N, C-alpha and C. Protein backbone atom coordinates (compact mmCIF):
# COMPACT_ATOMS: atom_id res chain seq x y z
N UNK A 1 -26.25 -84.77 168.58
CA UNK A 1 -25.21 -85.59 169.16
C UNK A 1 -23.92 -85.38 168.39
N UNK A 2 -22.82 -85.18 169.11
CA UNK A 2 -21.51 -84.96 168.50
C UNK A 2 -20.82 -86.30 168.30
N UNK A 3 -20.25 -86.47 167.10
CA UNK A 3 -19.54 -87.72 166.78
C UNK A 3 -18.04 -87.53 166.94
N UNK A 4 -17.37 -88.56 167.43
CA UNK A 4 -15.91 -88.51 167.50
C UNK A 4 -15.35 -88.71 166.09
N UNK A 5 -14.07 -88.40 165.92
CA UNK A 5 -13.45 -88.56 164.60
C UNK A 5 -13.43 -90.04 164.20
N UNK A 6 -13.26 -90.90 165.19
CA UNK A 6 -13.26 -92.35 164.92
C UNK A 6 -14.61 -92.79 164.35
N UNK A 7 -15.71 -92.31 164.96
CA UNK A 7 -17.05 -92.67 164.48
C UNK A 7 -17.31 -92.08 163.09
N UNK A 8 -16.85 -90.86 162.89
CA UNK A 8 -17.05 -90.22 161.58
C UNK A 8 -16.32 -91.01 160.49
N UNK A 9 -15.11 -91.44 160.78
CA UNK A 9 -14.34 -92.22 159.80
C UNK A 9 -15.02 -93.55 159.50
N UNK A 10 -15.54 -94.17 160.55
CA UNK A 10 -16.21 -95.46 160.38
C UNK A 10 -17.47 -95.29 159.52
N UNK A 11 -18.25 -94.27 159.81
CA UNK A 11 -19.48 -94.02 159.03
C UNK A 11 -19.12 -93.70 157.59
N UNK A 12 -18.09 -92.86 157.40
CA UNK A 12 -17.68 -92.49 156.04
C UNK A 12 -17.22 -93.74 155.27
N UNK A 13 -16.42 -94.59 155.92
CA UNK A 13 -15.91 -95.80 155.26
C UNK A 13 -17.05 -96.74 154.85
N UNK A 14 -18.09 -96.78 155.67
CA UNK A 14 -19.22 -97.65 155.34
C UNK A 14 -20.14 -97.05 154.29
N UNK A 15 -20.31 -95.72 154.29
CA UNK A 15 -21.24 -95.08 153.36
C UNK A 15 -20.63 -94.78 151.99
N UNK A 16 -19.37 -94.42 151.95
CA UNK A 16 -18.76 -93.97 150.69
C UNK A 16 -18.91 -95.00 149.56
N UNK A 17 -18.68 -96.28 149.80
CA UNK A 17 -18.86 -97.24 148.70
C UNK A 17 -20.32 -97.40 148.27
N UNK A 18 -21.24 -97.13 149.20
CA UNK A 18 -22.65 -97.33 148.89
C UNK A 18 -23.26 -96.12 148.19
N UNK A 19 -23.02 -94.93 148.72
CA UNK A 19 -23.68 -93.73 148.15
C UNK A 19 -22.72 -92.79 147.44
N UNK A 20 -21.43 -93.03 147.53
CA UNK A 20 -20.44 -92.18 146.88
C UNK A 20 -19.75 -91.28 147.89
N UNK A 21 -18.50 -90.87 147.54
CA UNK A 21 -17.68 -90.07 148.46
C UNK A 21 -18.29 -88.68 148.71
N UNK A 22 -18.71 -88.01 147.63
CA UNK A 22 -19.28 -86.66 147.79
C UNK A 22 -20.53 -86.69 148.65
N UNK A 23 -21.39 -87.67 148.41
CA UNK A 23 -22.63 -87.79 149.16
C UNK A 23 -22.35 -88.10 150.63
N UNK A 24 -21.37 -88.98 150.88
CA UNK A 24 -21.00 -89.31 152.27
C UNK A 24 -20.45 -88.07 152.97
N UNK A 25 -19.62 -87.29 152.25
CA UNK A 25 -19.10 -86.02 152.81
C UNK A 25 -20.25 -85.06 153.12
N UNK A 26 -21.19 -84.95 152.17
CA UNK A 26 -22.32 -84.04 152.36
C UNK A 26 -23.16 -84.46 153.56
N UNK A 27 -23.39 -85.74 153.71
CA UNK A 27 -24.19 -86.25 154.83
C UNK A 27 -23.48 -85.99 156.16
N UNK A 28 -22.19 -86.30 156.24
CA UNK A 28 -21.45 -86.09 157.48
C UNK A 28 -21.28 -84.60 157.81
N UNK A 29 -21.29 -83.75 156.79
CA UNK A 29 -21.16 -82.31 157.06
C UNK A 29 -22.40 -81.76 157.78
N UNK A 30 -23.51 -82.49 157.72
CA UNK A 30 -24.73 -82.06 158.40
C UNK A 30 -24.73 -82.44 159.88
N UNK A 31 -23.80 -83.30 160.29
CA UNK A 31 -23.71 -83.72 161.69
C UNK A 31 -22.69 -82.84 162.40
N UNK A 32 -23.00 -82.41 163.61
CA UNK A 32 -22.08 -81.51 164.32
C UNK A 32 -20.75 -82.18 164.66
N UNK A 33 -19.68 -81.38 164.58
CA UNK A 33 -18.35 -81.89 164.92
C UNK A 33 -17.92 -81.44 166.32
N UNK A 34 -18.58 -80.41 166.85
CA UNK A 34 -18.30 -79.91 168.21
C UNK A 34 -19.62 -79.70 168.92
N UNK A 35 -19.56 -79.58 170.24
CA UNK A 35 -20.78 -79.41 171.04
C UNK A 35 -21.53 -78.15 170.62
N UNK A 36 -20.80 -77.06 170.36
CA UNK A 36 -21.46 -75.81 169.98
C UNK A 36 -22.07 -75.82 168.60
N UNK A 37 -21.78 -76.85 167.80
CA UNK A 37 -22.29 -76.92 166.43
C UNK A 37 -23.67 -77.54 166.33
N UNK A 38 -24.23 -77.99 167.45
CA UNK A 38 -25.53 -78.65 167.38
C UNK A 38 -26.59 -77.67 166.90
N UNK A 39 -27.46 -78.12 166.00
CA UNK A 39 -28.52 -77.23 165.51
C UNK A 39 -29.53 -76.91 166.61
N UNK A 40 -30.13 -75.76 166.50
CA UNK A 40 -31.12 -75.31 167.48
C UNK A 40 -32.50 -75.65 166.96
N UNK A 41 -33.32 -76.24 167.81
CA UNK A 41 -34.69 -76.54 167.40
C UNK A 41 -35.55 -75.30 167.61
N UNK A 42 -36.67 -75.26 166.98
CA UNK A 42 -37.58 -74.13 167.13
C UNK A 42 -38.06 -73.99 168.57
N UNK A 43 -38.31 -75.12 169.22
CA UNK A 43 -38.77 -75.09 170.61
C UNK A 43 -37.71 -74.48 171.53
N UNK A 44 -36.45 -74.87 171.32
CA UNK A 44 -35.36 -74.31 172.14
C UNK A 44 -35.25 -72.81 171.87
N UNK A 45 -35.31 -72.44 170.60
CA UNK A 45 -35.22 -71.02 170.23
C UNK A 45 -36.37 -70.22 170.84
N UNK A 46 -37.57 -70.75 170.76
CA UNK A 46 -38.73 -70.06 171.36
C UNK A 46 -38.56 -69.90 172.86
N UNK A 47 -38.07 -70.94 173.52
CA UNK A 47 -37.85 -70.87 174.97
C UNK A 47 -36.80 -69.81 175.31
N UNK A 48 -35.73 -69.75 174.53
CA UNK A 48 -34.69 -68.74 174.76
C UNK A 48 -35.22 -67.33 174.54
N UNK A 49 -36.01 -67.15 173.49
CA UNK A 49 -36.60 -65.84 173.21
C UNK A 49 -37.56 -65.44 174.32
N UNK A 50 -38.37 -66.38 174.79
CA UNK A 50 -39.31 -66.09 175.88
C UNK A 50 -38.55 -65.68 177.14
N UNK A 51 -37.46 -66.37 177.43
CA UNK A 51 -36.65 -66.02 178.61
C UNK A 51 -36.03 -64.64 178.44
N UNK A 52 -35.54 -64.35 177.25
CA UNK A 52 -34.97 -63.03 176.96
C UNK A 52 -36.02 -61.93 177.12
N UNK A 53 -37.22 -62.19 176.61
CA UNK A 53 -38.30 -61.20 176.75
C UNK A 53 -38.63 -60.95 178.21
N UNK A 54 -38.71 -62.03 179.00
CA UNK A 54 -38.99 -61.89 180.43
C UNK A 54 -37.91 -61.05 181.10
N UNK A 55 -36.65 -61.35 180.79
CA UNK A 55 -35.54 -60.59 181.36
C UNK A 55 -35.62 -59.12 180.96
N UNK A 56 -35.94 -58.87 179.70
CA UNK A 56 -36.03 -57.48 179.22
C UNK A 56 -37.17 -56.74 179.91
N UNK A 57 -38.32 -57.40 180.06
CA UNK A 57 -39.45 -56.76 180.73
C UNK A 57 -39.11 -56.45 182.19
N UNK A 58 -38.43 -57.38 182.84
CA UNK A 58 -38.03 -57.17 184.23
C UNK A 58 -37.06 -55.99 184.32
N UNK A 59 -36.08 -55.97 183.43
CA UNK A 59 -35.10 -54.88 183.44
C UNK A 59 -35.76 -53.53 183.13
N UNK A 60 -36.68 -53.52 182.18
CA UNK A 60 -37.37 -52.27 181.82
C UNK A 60 -38.23 -51.78 182.99
N UNK A 61 -38.90 -52.69 183.68
CA UNK A 61 -39.71 -52.31 184.84
C UNK A 61 -38.83 -51.72 185.93
N UNK A 62 -37.67 -52.34 186.16
CA UNK A 62 -36.73 -51.82 187.17
C UNK A 62 -36.22 -50.44 186.75
N UNK A 63 -35.90 -50.29 185.48
CA UNK A 63 -35.43 -49.00 184.97
C UNK A 63 -36.49 -47.92 185.16
N UNK A 64 -37.74 -48.24 184.84
CA UNK A 64 -38.83 -47.26 185.02
C UNK A 64 -38.99 -46.89 186.49
N UNK A 65 -38.91 -47.88 187.37
CA UNK A 65 -39.02 -47.61 188.80
C UNK A 65 -37.88 -46.72 189.26
N UNK A 66 -36.67 -47.03 188.82
CA UNK A 66 -35.51 -46.21 189.18
C UNK A 66 -35.66 -44.78 188.66
N UNK A 67 -36.14 -44.65 187.42
CA UNK A 67 -36.30 -43.32 186.84
C UNK A 67 -37.36 -42.51 187.58
N UNK A 68 -38.46 -43.16 187.97
CA UNK A 68 -39.50 -42.46 188.72
C UNK A 68 -38.94 -41.97 190.05
N UNK A 69 -38.15 -42.81 190.71
CA UNK A 69 -37.54 -42.41 191.98
C UNK A 69 -36.56 -41.25 191.78
N UNK A 70 -35.75 -41.34 190.73
CA UNK A 70 -34.79 -40.27 190.45
C UNK A 70 -35.51 -38.96 190.11
N UNK A 71 -36.60 -39.04 189.36
CA UNK A 71 -37.36 -37.84 189.01
C UNK A 71 -37.99 -37.21 190.25
N UNK A 72 -38.47 -38.03 191.16
CA UNK A 72 -39.06 -37.52 192.40
C UNK A 72 -37.98 -36.82 193.22
N UNK A 73 -36.79 -37.40 193.30
CA UNK A 73 -35.68 -36.78 194.01
C UNK A 73 -35.29 -35.45 193.36
N UNK A 74 -35.26 -35.44 192.03
CA UNK A 74 -34.91 -34.21 191.31
C UNK A 74 -35.96 -33.12 191.54
N UNK A 75 -37.24 -33.50 191.51
CA UNK A 75 -38.31 -32.53 191.77
C UNK A 75 -38.17 -31.93 193.16
N UNK A 76 -37.87 -32.77 194.14
CA UNK A 76 -37.70 -32.29 195.52
C UNK A 76 -36.52 -31.34 195.60
N UNK A 77 -35.42 -31.70 194.95
CA UNK A 77 -34.24 -30.84 194.98
C UNK A 77 -34.49 -29.50 194.31
N UNK A 78 -35.15 -29.52 193.16
CA UNK A 78 -35.47 -28.26 192.46
C UNK A 78 -36.41 -27.41 193.31
N UNK A 79 -37.40 -28.05 193.93
CA UNK A 79 -38.33 -27.33 194.79
C UNK A 79 -37.58 -26.65 195.95
N UNK A 80 -36.68 -27.38 196.57
CA UNK A 80 -35.89 -26.82 197.68
C UNK A 80 -35.02 -25.66 197.20
N UNK A 81 -34.40 -25.79 196.04
CA UNK A 81 -33.56 -24.72 195.50
C UNK A 81 -34.40 -23.48 195.18
N UNK A 82 -35.58 -23.69 194.60
CA UNK A 82 -36.46 -22.55 194.28
C UNK A 82 -36.91 -21.84 195.57
N UNK A 83 -37.22 -22.63 196.59
CA UNK A 83 -37.62 -22.04 197.87
C UNK A 83 -36.48 -21.23 198.47
N UNK A 84 -35.26 -21.73 198.41
CA UNK A 84 -34.12 -20.99 198.92
C UNK A 84 -33.88 -19.70 198.14
N UNK A 85 -34.04 -19.78 196.81
CA UNK A 85 -33.88 -18.57 195.99
C UNK A 85 -34.94 -17.53 196.33
N UNK A 86 -36.17 -17.97 196.51
CA UNK A 86 -37.25 -17.04 196.85
C UNK A 86 -36.98 -16.38 198.20
N UNK A 87 -36.51 -17.18 199.17
CA UNK A 87 -36.20 -16.61 200.49
C UNK A 87 -35.05 -15.60 200.39
N UNK A 88 -34.05 -15.91 199.58
CA UNK A 88 -32.92 -15.00 199.40
C UNK A 88 -33.39 -13.70 198.77
N UNK A 89 -34.25 -13.80 197.74
CA UNK A 89 -34.74 -12.59 197.06
C UNK A 89 -35.58 -11.74 198.01
N UNK A 90 -36.45 -12.36 198.81
CA UNK A 90 -37.26 -11.61 199.76
C UNK A 90 -36.36 -10.94 200.79
N UNK A 91 -35.34 -11.65 201.26
CA UNK A 91 -34.40 -11.09 202.23
C UNK A 91 -33.66 -9.90 201.62
N UNK A 92 -33.25 -10.01 200.37
CA UNK A 92 -32.54 -8.92 199.70
C UNK A 92 -33.45 -7.71 199.52
N UNK A 93 -34.72 -7.95 199.19
CA UNK A 93 -35.66 -6.84 199.02
C UNK A 93 -35.90 -6.15 200.35
N UNK A 94 -36.07 -6.92 201.41
CA UNK A 94 -36.30 -6.34 202.75
C UNK A 94 -35.06 -5.55 203.18
N UNK A 95 -33.87 -6.10 202.95
CA UNK A 95 -32.64 -5.39 203.31
C UNK A 95 -32.53 -4.09 202.54
N UNK A 96 -32.87 -4.10 201.27
CA UNK A 96 -32.81 -2.89 200.46
C UNK A 96 -33.81 -1.86 200.96
N UNK A 97 -35.01 -2.32 201.32
CA UNK A 97 -36.03 -1.40 201.83
C UNK A 97 -35.60 -0.80 203.16
N UNK A 98 -35.05 -1.63 204.04
CA UNK A 98 -34.58 -1.11 205.34
C UNK A 98 -33.43 -0.15 205.14
N UNK A 99 -32.54 -0.46 204.23
CA UNK A 99 -31.43 0.45 203.92
C UNK A 99 -31.94 1.77 203.39
N UNK A 100 -32.92 1.72 202.51
CA UNK A 100 -33.52 2.94 201.96
C UNK A 100 -34.22 3.75 203.03
N UNK A 101 -34.89 3.03 203.94
CA UNK A 101 -35.57 3.74 205.03
C UNK A 101 -34.54 4.40 205.97
N UNK A 102 -33.41 3.72 206.19
CA UNK A 102 -32.34 4.30 207.01
C UNK A 102 -31.75 5.53 206.37
N UNK A 103 -31.54 5.49 205.05
CA UNK A 103 -31.02 6.64 204.33
C UNK A 103 -32.02 7.79 204.40
N UNK A 104 -33.32 7.47 204.22
CA UNK A 104 -34.35 8.53 204.29
C UNK A 104 -34.40 9.13 205.69
N UNK A 105 -34.28 8.32 206.72
CA UNK A 105 -34.31 8.83 208.11
C UNK A 105 -33.08 9.70 208.35
N UNK A 106 -31.93 9.28 207.82
CA UNK A 106 -30.71 10.09 207.97
C UNK A 106 -30.84 11.42 207.29
N UNK A 107 -31.41 11.44 206.10
CA UNK A 107 -31.59 12.69 205.37
C UNK A 107 -32.60 13.56 206.12
N UNK A 108 -33.64 12.93 206.62
CA UNK A 108 -34.66 13.70 207.38
C UNK A 108 -34.09 14.33 208.63
N UNK A 109 -33.21 13.63 209.33
CA UNK A 109 -32.63 14.19 210.55
C UNK A 109 -31.62 15.29 210.21
N UNK A 110 -30.97 15.21 209.08
CA UNK A 110 -30.03 16.27 208.67
C UNK A 110 -30.82 17.50 208.25
N UNK A 111 -31.93 17.34 207.60
CA UNK A 111 -32.73 18.47 207.11
C UNK A 111 -33.53 19.12 208.25
N UNK A 112 -33.79 18.41 209.30
CA UNK A 112 -34.62 18.96 210.37
C UNK A 112 -33.87 19.84 211.31
């Protein structure tokens, strides 16, 4: 619970004569002065860590799923590229063979 400055002054004024100024200061320094200063309990910390773990597991599972999909797409693309290269090479070999056969036929007709 956060105390207003008015409440802090009132508590200090009541405690200082009884326990001493330094002790009253030390005691009040343990109480939060702003909302963000409140101490965290172990239960709250455990709950936050559990939520963080759940979020991380969810994100990691999504990342793995995405990576598997991307790898499958990449495999398909590489397969298609390899198939196109093989078809190009076979076409080039056939064209070279036909060209060679044409040259041989031309030489044969000249020699005959």
